[in-house]
Amino acid sequence: AALRQRLGVTATLRDLGLGPAELDRAADEAV
């Protein structure tokens, strides 16, 4: 986590446009 911050990688999945519905779908597919 510290290295990512140091490298300037601060984006989240929410910043990439993923909301609760998309997270639910991804969780379903992953299992």
PDB file of all heavy atoms in Angstrom:
ATOM      1  N   ALA A   1       0.827  -1.200   0.000  1.00  0.00           N
ATOM      2  CA  ALA A   1       0.000   0.000   0.000  1.00  0.00           C
ATOM      3  C   ALA A   1       0.867   1.259   0.000  1.00  0.00           C
ATOM      4  O   ALA A   1       0.583   2.229  -0.711  1.00  0.00           O
ATOM      5  CB  ALA A   1      -0.931  -0.012   1.217  1.00  0.00           C
ATOM      6  N   ALA A   2       1.947   1.247   0.784  1.00  0.00           N
ATOM      7  CA  ALA A   2       2.833   2.412   0.839  1.00  0.00           C
ATOM      8  C   ALA A   2       3.566   2.614  -0.485  1.00  0.00           C
ATOM      9  O   ALA A   2       3.726   3.752  -0.953  1.00  0.00           O
ATOM     10  CB  ALA A   2       3.830   2.252   1.986  1.00  0.00           C
ATOM     11  N   LEU A   3       4.018   1.519  -1.101  1.00  0.00           N
ATOM     12  CA  LEU A   3       4.710   1.641  -2.375  1.00  0.00           C
ATOM     13  C   LEU A   3       3.768   2.190  -3.438  1.00  0.00           C
ATOM     14  O   LEU A   3       4.145   3.072  -4.216  1.00  0.00           O
ATOM     15  CB  LEU A   3       5.257   0.286  -2.815  1.00  0.00           C
ATOM     16  CG  LEU A   3       5.945   0.273  -4.186  1.00  0.00           C
ATOM     17  CD1 LEU A   3       7.197   1.160  -4.172  1.00  0.00           C
ATOM     18  CD2 LEU A   3       6.317  -1.151  -4.595  1.00  0.00           C
ATOM     19  N   ARG A   4       2.556   1.682  -3.472  1.00  0.00           N
ATOM     20  CA  ARG A   4       1.590   2.178  -4.450  1.00  0.00           C
ATOM     21  C   ARG A   4       1.364   3.678  -4.283  1.00  0.00           C
ATOM     22  O   ARG A   4       1.335   4.431  -5.257  1.00  0.00           O
ATOM     23  CB  ARG A   4       0.266   1.418  -4.312  1.00  0.00           C
ATOM     24  CG  ARG A   4      -0.696   1.683  -5.440  1.00  0.00           C
ATOM     25  CD  ARG A   4      -1.987   0.928  -5.265  1.00  0.00           C
ATOM     26  NE  ARG A   4      -2.725   1.403  -4.098  1.00  0.00           N
ATOM     27  CZ  ARG A   4      -3.954   1.023  -3.789  1.00  0.00           C
ATOM     28  NH1 ARG A   4      -4.562   0.110  -4.531  1.00  0.00           N
ATOM     29  NH2 ARG A   4      -4.568   1.498  -2.723  1.00  0.00           N
ATOM     30  N   GLN A   5       1.235   4.115  -3.039  1.00  0.00           N
ATOM     31  CA  GLN A   5       1.055   5.537  -2.765  1.00  0.00           C
ATOM     32  C   GLN A   5       2.281   6.327  -3.210  1.00  0.00           C
ATOM     33  O   GLN A   5       2.164   7.406  -3.823  1.00  0.00           O
ATOM     34  CB  GLN A   5       0.801   5.749  -1.272  1.00  0.00           C
ATOM     35  CG  GLN A   5       0.401   7.165  -0.893  1.00  0.00           C
ATOM     36  CD  GLN A   5      -1.042   7.476  -1.244  1.00  0.00           C
ATOM     37  OE1 GLN A   5      -1.850   6.550  -1.384  1.00  0.00           O
ATOM     38  NE2 GLN A   5      -1.375   8.739  -1.400  1.00  0.00           N
ATOM     39  N   ARG A   6       3.457   5.810  -2.912  1.00  0.00           N
ATOM     40  CA  ARG A   6       4.708   6.489  -3.283  1.00  0.00           C
ATOM     41  C   ARG A   6       4.840   6.625  -4.791  1.00  0.00           C
ATOM     42  O   ARG A   6       5.404   7.606  -5.292  1.00  0.00           O
ATOM     43  CB  ARG A   6       5.891   5.704  -2.710  1.00  0.00           C
ATOM     44  CG  ARG A   6       7.244   6.361  -2.906  1.00  0.00           C
ATOM     45  CD  ARG A   6       8.335   5.504  -2.291  1.00  0.00           C
ATOM     46  NE  ARG A   6       9.656   6.073  -2.482  1.00  0.00           N
ATOM     47  CZ  ARG A   6      10.786   5.454  -2.221  1.00  0.00           C
ATOM     48  NH1 ARG A   6      10.757   4.215  -1.728  1.00  0.00           N
ATOM     49  NH2 ARG A   6      11.952   6.038  -2.436  1.00  0.00           N
ATOM     50  N   LEU A   7       4.334   5.628  -5.521  1.00  0.00           N
ATOM     51  CA  LEU A   7       4.410   5.659  -6.984  1.00  0.00           C
ATOM     52  C   LEU A   7       3.321   6.534  -7.605  1.00  0.00           C
ATOM     53  O   LEU A   7       3.283   6.705  -8.821  1.00  0.00           O
ATOM     54  CB  LEU A   7       4.301   4.240  -7.546  1.00  0.00           C
ATOM     55  CG  LEU A   7       5.426   3.272  -7.158  1.00  0.00           C
ATOM     56  CD1 LEU A   7       5.158   1.894  -7.746  1.00  0.00           C
ATOM     57  CD2 LEU A   7       6.782   3.792  -7.618  1.00  0.00           C
ATOM     58  N   GLY A   8       2.432   7.052  -6.773  1.00  0.00           N
ATOM     59  CA  GLY A   8       1.381   7.928  -7.286  1.00  0.00           C
ATOM     60  C   GLY A   8       0.170   7.205  -7.821  1.00  0.00           C
ATOM     61  O   GLY A   8      -0.647   7.806  -8.539  1.00  0.00           O
ATOM     62  N   VAL A   9       0.024   5.923  -7.470  1.00  0.00           N
ATOM     63  CA  VAL A   9      -1.140   5.158  -7.929  1.00  0.00           C
ATOM     64  C   VAL A   9      -2.222   5.289  -6.860  1.00  0.00           C
ATOM     65  O   VAL A   9      -2.220   4.561  -5.860  1.00  0.00           O
ATOM     66  CB  VAL A   9      -0.789   3.678  -8.159  1.00  0.00           C
ATOM     67  CG1 VAL A   9      -2.007   2.926  -8.704  1.00  0.00           C
ATOM     68  CG2 VAL A   9       0.385   3.553  -9.114  1.00  0.00           C
ATOM     69  N   THR A  10      -3.138   6.218  -7.045  1.00  0.00           N
ATOM     70  CA  THR A  10      -4.156   6.508  -6.037  1.00  0.00           C
ATOM     71  C   THR A  10      -5.564   6.146  -6.502  1.00  0.00           C
ATOM     72  O   THR A  10      -6.519   6.313  -5.748  1.00  0.00           O
ATOM     73  CB  THR A  10      -4.124   7.995  -5.660  1.00  0.00           C
ATOM     74  OG1 THR A  10      -4.342   8.784  -6.834  1.00  0.00           O
ATOM     75  CG2 THR A  10      -2.771   8.369  -5.051  1.00  0.00           C
ATOM     76  N   ALA A  11      -5.712   5.661  -7.724  1.00  0.00           N
ATOM     77  CA  ALA A  11      -7.037   5.350  -8.259  1.00  0.00           C
ATOM     78  C   ALA A  11      -7.673   4.182  -7.519  1.00  0.00           C
ATOM     79  O   ALA A  11      -6.990   3.316  -6.968  1.00  0.00           O
ATOM     80  CB  ALA A  11      -6.947   5.031  -9.751  1.00  0.00           C
ATOM     81  N   THR A  12      -8.988   4.157  -7.503  1.00  0.00           N
ATOM     82  CA  THR A  12      -9.763   3.064  -6.925  1.00  0.00           C
ATOM     83  C   THR A  12     -10.634   2.451  -8.024  1.00  0.00           C
ATOM     84  O   THR A  12     -10.783   3.013  -9.113  1.00  0.00           O
ATOM     85  CB  THR A  12     -10.681   3.563  -5.796  1.00  0.00           C
ATOM     86  OG1 THR A  12     -11.689   4.424  -6.369  1.00  0.00           O
ATOM     87  CG2 THR A  12      -9.888   4.334  -4.746  1.00  0.00           C
ATOM     88  N   LEU A  13     -11.226   1.310  -7.734  1.00  0.00           N
ATOM     89  CA  LEU A  13     -12.152   0.710  -8.696  1.00  0.00           C
ATOM     90  C   LEU A  13     -13.343   1.629  -8.941  1.00  0.00           C
ATOM     91  O   LEU A  13     -13.898   1.670 -10.047  1.00  0.00           O
ATOM     92  CB  LEU A  13     -12.630  -0.650  -8.199  1.00  0.00           C
ATOM     93  CG  LEU A  13     -11.582  -1.765  -8.134  1.00  0.00           C
ATOM     94  CD1 LEU A  13     -12.232  -3.063  -7.668  1.00  0.00           C
ATOM     95  CD2 LEU A  13     -10.901  -1.972  -9.484  1.00  0.00           C
ATOM     96  N   ARG A  14     -13.738   2.384  -7.933  1.00  0.00           N
ATOM     97  CA  ARG A  14     -14.836   3.337  -8.114  1.00  0.00           C
ATOM     98  C   ARG A  14     -14.441   4.415  -9.116  1.00  0.00           C
ATOM     99  O   ARG A  14     -15.266   4.840  -9.941  1.00  0.00           O
ATOM    100  CB  ARG A  14     -15.212   3.957  -6.767  1.00  0.00           C
ATOM    101  CG  ARG A  14     -16.461   4.831  -6.797  1.00  0.00           C
ATOM    102  CD  ARG A  14     -16.873   5.182  -5.378  1.00  0.00           C
ATOM    103  NE  ARG A  14     -17.262   3.980  -4.645  1.00  0.00           N
ATOM    104  CZ  ARG A  14     -17.240   3.872  -3.311  1.00  0.00           C
ATOM    105  NH1 ARG A  14     -16.817   4.883  -2.568  1.00  0.00           N
ATOM    106  NH2 ARG A  14     -17.627   2.762  -2.722  1.00  0.00           N
ATOM    107  N   ASP A  15     -13.177   4.851  -9.066  1.00  0.00           N
ATOM    108  CA  ASP A  15     -12.704   5.844 -10.031  1.00  0.00           C
ATOM    109  C   ASP A  15     -12.767   5.312 -11.455  1.00  0.00           C
ATOM    110  O   ASP A  15     -12.867   6.096 -12.416  1.00  0.00           O
ATOM    111  CB  ASP A  15     -11.264   6.253  -9.717  1.00  0.00           C
ATOM    112  CG  ASP A  15     -11.141   6.995  -8.401  1.00  0.00           C
ATOM    113  OD1 ASP A  15     -12.110   7.672  -8.000  1.00  0.00           O
ATOM    114  OD2 ASP A  15     -10.076   6.881  -7.749  1.00  0.00           O
ATOM    115  N   LEU A  16     -12.680   3.986 -11.610  1.00  0.00           N
ATOM    116  CA  LEU A  16     -12.744   3.363 -12.930  1.00  0.00           C
ATOM    117  C   LEU A  16     -14.174   3.071 -13.370  1.00  0.00           C
ATOM    118  O   LEU A  16     -14.397   2.443 -14.406  1.00  0.00           O
ATOM    119  CB  LEU A  16     -11.928   2.073 -12.946  1.00  0.00           C
ATOM    120  CG  LEU A  16     -10.440   2.208 -12.621  1.00  0.00           C
ATOM    121  CD1 LEU A  16      -9.726   0.880 -12.824  1.00  0.00           C
ATOM    122  CD2 LEU A  16      -9.786   3.290 -13.457  1.00  0.00           C
ATOM    123  N   GLY A  17     -15.142   3.526 -12.570  1.00  0.00           N
ATOM    124  CA  GLY A  17     -16.538   3.413 -12.976  1.00  0.00           C
ATOM    125  C   GLY A  17     -17.284   2.213 -12.439  1.00  0.00           C
ATOM    126  O   GLY A  17     -18.411   1.942 -12.876  1.00  0.00           O
ATOM    127  N   LEU A  18     -16.711   1.493 -11.484  1.00  0.00           N
ATOM    128  CA  LEU A  18     -17.376   0.309 -10.948  1.00  0.00           C
ATOM    129  C   LEU A  18     -18.173   0.658  -9.700  1.00  0.00           C
ATOM    130  O   LEU A  18     -17.622   1.129  -8.701  1.00  0.00           O
ATOM    131  CB  LEU A  18     -16.353  -0.785 -10.627  1.00  0.00           C
ATOM    132  CG  LEU A  18     -16.018  -1.760 -11.773  1.00  0.00           C
ATOM    133  CD1 LEU A  18     -15.425  -1.018 -12.953  1.00  0.00           C
ATOM    134  CD2 LEU A  18     -15.083  -2.843 -11.287  1.00  0.00           C
ATOM    135  N   GLY A  19     -19.488   0.436  -9.781  1.00  0.00           N
ATOM    136  CA  GLY A  19     -20.371   0.639  -8.647  1.00  0.00           C
ATOM    137  C   GLY A  19     -20.788  -0.684  -8.047  1.00  0.00           C
ATOM    138  O   GLY A  19     -20.278  -1.749  -8.417  1.00  0.00           O
ATOM    139  N   PRO A  20     -21.721  -0.671  -7.110  1.00  0.00           N
ATOM    140  CA  PRO A  20     -22.146  -1.911  -6.435  1.00  0.00           C
ATOM    141  C   PRO A  20     -22.599  -3.009  -7.385  1.00  0.00           C
ATOM    142  O   PRO A  20     -22.271  -4.192  -7.171  1.00  0.00           O
ATOM    143  CB  PRO A  20     -23.292  -1.431  -5.538  1.00  0.00           C
ATOM    144  CG  PRO A  20     -22.973   0.004  -5.266  1.00  0.00           C
ATOM    145  CD  PRO A  20     -22.363   0.523  -6.527  1.00  0.00           C
ATOM    146  N   ALA A  21     -23.326  -2.667  -8.444  1.00  0.00           N
ATOM    147  CA  ALA A  21     -23.809  -3.698  -9.369  1.00  0.00           C
ATOM    148  C   ALA A  21     -22.646  -4.382 -10.077  1.00  0.00           C
ATOM    149  O   ALA A  21     -22.634  -5.614 -10.244  1.00  0.00           O
ATOM    150  CB  ALA A  21     -24.767  -3.087 -10.387  1.00  0.00           C
ATOM    151  N   GLU A  22     -21.665  -3.597 -10.493  1.00  0.00           N
ATOM    152  CA  GLU A  22     -20.505  -4.167 -11.183  1.00  0.00           C
ATOM    153  C   GLU A  22     -19.671  -5.020 -10.234  1.00  0.00           C
ATOM    154  O   GLU A  22     -19.145  -6.076 -10.618  1.00  0.00           O
ATOM    155  CB  GLU A  22     -19.643  -3.050 -11.783  1.00  0.00           C
ATOM    156  CG  GLU A  22     -20.252  -2.339 -12.977  1.00  0.00           C
ATOM    157  CD  GLU A  22     -21.310  -1.325 -12.586  1.00  0.00           C
ATOM    158  OE1 GLU A  22     -21.338  -0.928 -11.387  1.00  0.00           O
ATOM    159  OE2 GLU A  22     -22.113  -0.931 -13.444  1.00  0.00           O
ATOM    160  N   LEU A  23     -19.536  -4.573  -8.999  1.00  0.00           N
ATOM    161  CA  LEU A  23     -18.783  -5.363  -8.017  1.00  0.00           C
ATOM    162  C   LEU A  23     -19.484  -6.682  -7.723  1.00  0.00           C
ATOM    163  O   LEU A  23     -18.826  -7.719  -7.567  1.00  0.00           O
ATOM    164  CB  LEU A  23     -18.585  -4.562  -6.727  1.00  0.00           C
ATOM    165  CG  LEU A  23     -17.830  -3.227  -6.854  1.00  0.00           C
ATOM    166  CD1 LEU A  23     -17.637  -2.605  -5.480  1.00  0.00           C
ATOM    167  CD2 LEU A  23     -16.498  -3.401  -7.554  1.00  0.00           C
ATOM    168  N   ASP A  24     -20.804  -6.651  -7.645  1.00  0.00           N
ATOM    169  CA  ASP A  24     -21.560  -7.893  -7.438  1.00  0.00           C
ATOM    170  C   ASP A  24     -21.335  -8.856  -8.600  1.00  0.00           C
ATOM    171  O   ASP A  24     -21.117 -10.062  -8.395  1.00  0.00           O
ATOM    172  CB  ASP A  24     -23.057  -7.585  -7.312  1.00  0.00           C
ATOM    173  CG  ASP A  24     -23.430  -7.011  -5.958  1.00  0.00           C
ATOM    174  OD1 ASP A  24     -22.673  -7.222  -4.994  1.00  0.00           O
ATOM    175  OD2 ASP A  24     -24.477  -6.343  -5.884  1.00  0.00           O
ATOM    176  N   ARG A  25     -21.398  -8.338  -9.804  1.00  0.00           N
ATOM    177  CA  ARG A  25     -21.208  -9.187 -10.985  1.00  0.00           C
ATOM    178  C   ARG A  25     -19.812  -9.783 -11.002  1.00  0.00           C
ATOM    179  O   ARG A  25     -19.628 -10.979 -11.289  1.00  0.00           O
ATOM    180  CB  ARG A  25     -21.454  -8.364 -12.245  1.00  0.00           C
ATOM    181  CG  ARG A  25     -21.202  -9.128 -13.538  1.00  0.00           C
ATOM    182  CD  ARG A  25     -21.399  -8.218 -14.720  1.00  0.00           C
ATOM    183  NE  ARG A  25     -20.836  -8.814 -15.925  1.00  0.00           N
ATOM    184  CZ  ARG A  25     -20.667  -8.152 -17.070  1.00  0.00           C
ATOM    185  NH1 ARG A  25     -21.034  -6.885 -17.161  1.00  0.00           N
ATOM    186  NH2 ARG A  25     -20.132  -8.751 -18.110  1.00  0.00           N
ATOM    187  N   ALA A  26     -18.804  -8.959 -10.695  1.00  0.00           N
ATOM    188  CA  ALA A  26     -17.426  -9.449 -10.696  1.00  0.00           C
ATOM    189  C   ALA A  26     -17.234 -10.527  -9.633  1.00  0.00           C
ATOM    190  O   ALA A  26     -16.551 -11.532  -9.871  1.00  0.00           O
ATOM    191  CB  ALA A  26     -16.461  -8.288 -10.454  1.00  0.00           C
ATOM    192  N   ALA A  27     -17.832 -10.340  -8.462  1.00  0.00           N
ATOM    193  CA  ALA A  27     -17.715 -11.342  -7.405  1.00  0.00           C
ATOM    194  C   ALA A  27     -18.352 -12.657  -7.832  1.00  0.00           C
ATOM    195  O   ALA A  27     -17.805 -13.741  -7.588  1.00  0.00           O
ATOM    196  CB  ALA A  27     -18.358 -10.827  -6.119  1.00  0.00           C
ATOM    197  N   ASP A  28     -19.499 -12.571  -8.488  1.00  0.00           N
ATOM    198  CA  ASP A  28     -20.168 -13.784  -8.965  1.00  0.00           C
ATOM    199  C   ASP A  28     -19.291 -14.529  -9.971  1.00  0.00           C
ATOM    200  O   ASP A  28     -19.155 -15.762  -9.909  1.00  0.00           O
ATOM    201  CB  ASP A  28     -21.509 -13.428  -9.621  1.00  0.00           C
ATOM    202  CG  ASP A  28     -22.555 -12.975  -8.620  1.00  0.00           C
ATOM    203  OD1 ASP A  28     -22.410 -13.294  -7.428  1.00  0.00           O
ATOM    204  OD2 ASP A  28     -23.504 -12.286  -9.034  1.00  0.00           O
ATOM    205  N   GLU A  29     -18.700 -13.802 -10.903  1.00  0.00           N
ATOM    206  CA  GLU A  29     -17.873 -14.440 -11.928  1.00  0.00           C
ATOM    207  C   GLU A  29     -16.597 -15.019 -11.334  1.00  0.00           C
ATOM    208  O   GLU A  29     -16.119 -16.073 -11.773  1.00  0.00           O
ATOM    209  CB  GLU A  29     -17.532 -13.438 -13.034  1.00  0.00           C
ATOM    210  CG  GLU A  29     -18.722 -13.041 -13.896  1.00  0.00           C
ATOM    211  CD  GLU A  29     -18.312 -12.258 -15.124  1.00  0.00           C
ATOM    212  OE1 GLU A  29     -17.141 -12.387 -15.552  1.00  0.00           O
ATOM    213  OE2 GLU A  29     -19.156 -11.520 -15.650  1.00  0.00           O
ATOM    214  N   ALA A  30     -16.041 -14.345 -10.330  1.00  0.00           N
ATOM    215  CA  ALA A  30     -14.769 -14.795  -9.752  1.00  0.00           C
ATOM    216  C   ALA A  30     -14.894 -16.122  -9.017  1.00  0.00           C
ATOM    217  O   ALA A  30     -13.911 -16.859  -8.912  1.00  0.00           O
ATOM    218  CB  ALA A  30     -14.215 -13.726  -8.814  1.00  0.00           C
ATOM    219  N   VAL A  31     -16.065 -16.433  -8.513  1.00  0.00           N
ATOM    220  CA  VAL A  31     -16.238 -17.686  -7.756  1.00  0.00           C
ATOM    221  C   VAL A  31     -16.956 -18.761  -8.571  1.00  0.00           C
ATOM    222  O   VAL A  31     -17.269 -19.832  -8.045  1.00  0.00           O
ATOM    223  CB  VAL A  31     -17.013 -17.444  -6.440  1.00  0.00           C
ATOM    224  CG1 VAL A  31     -16.245 -16.469  -5.552  1.00  0.00           C
ATOM    225  CG2 VAL A  31     -18.426 -16.918  -6.711  1.00  0.00           C
TER     226      VAL A  31
END
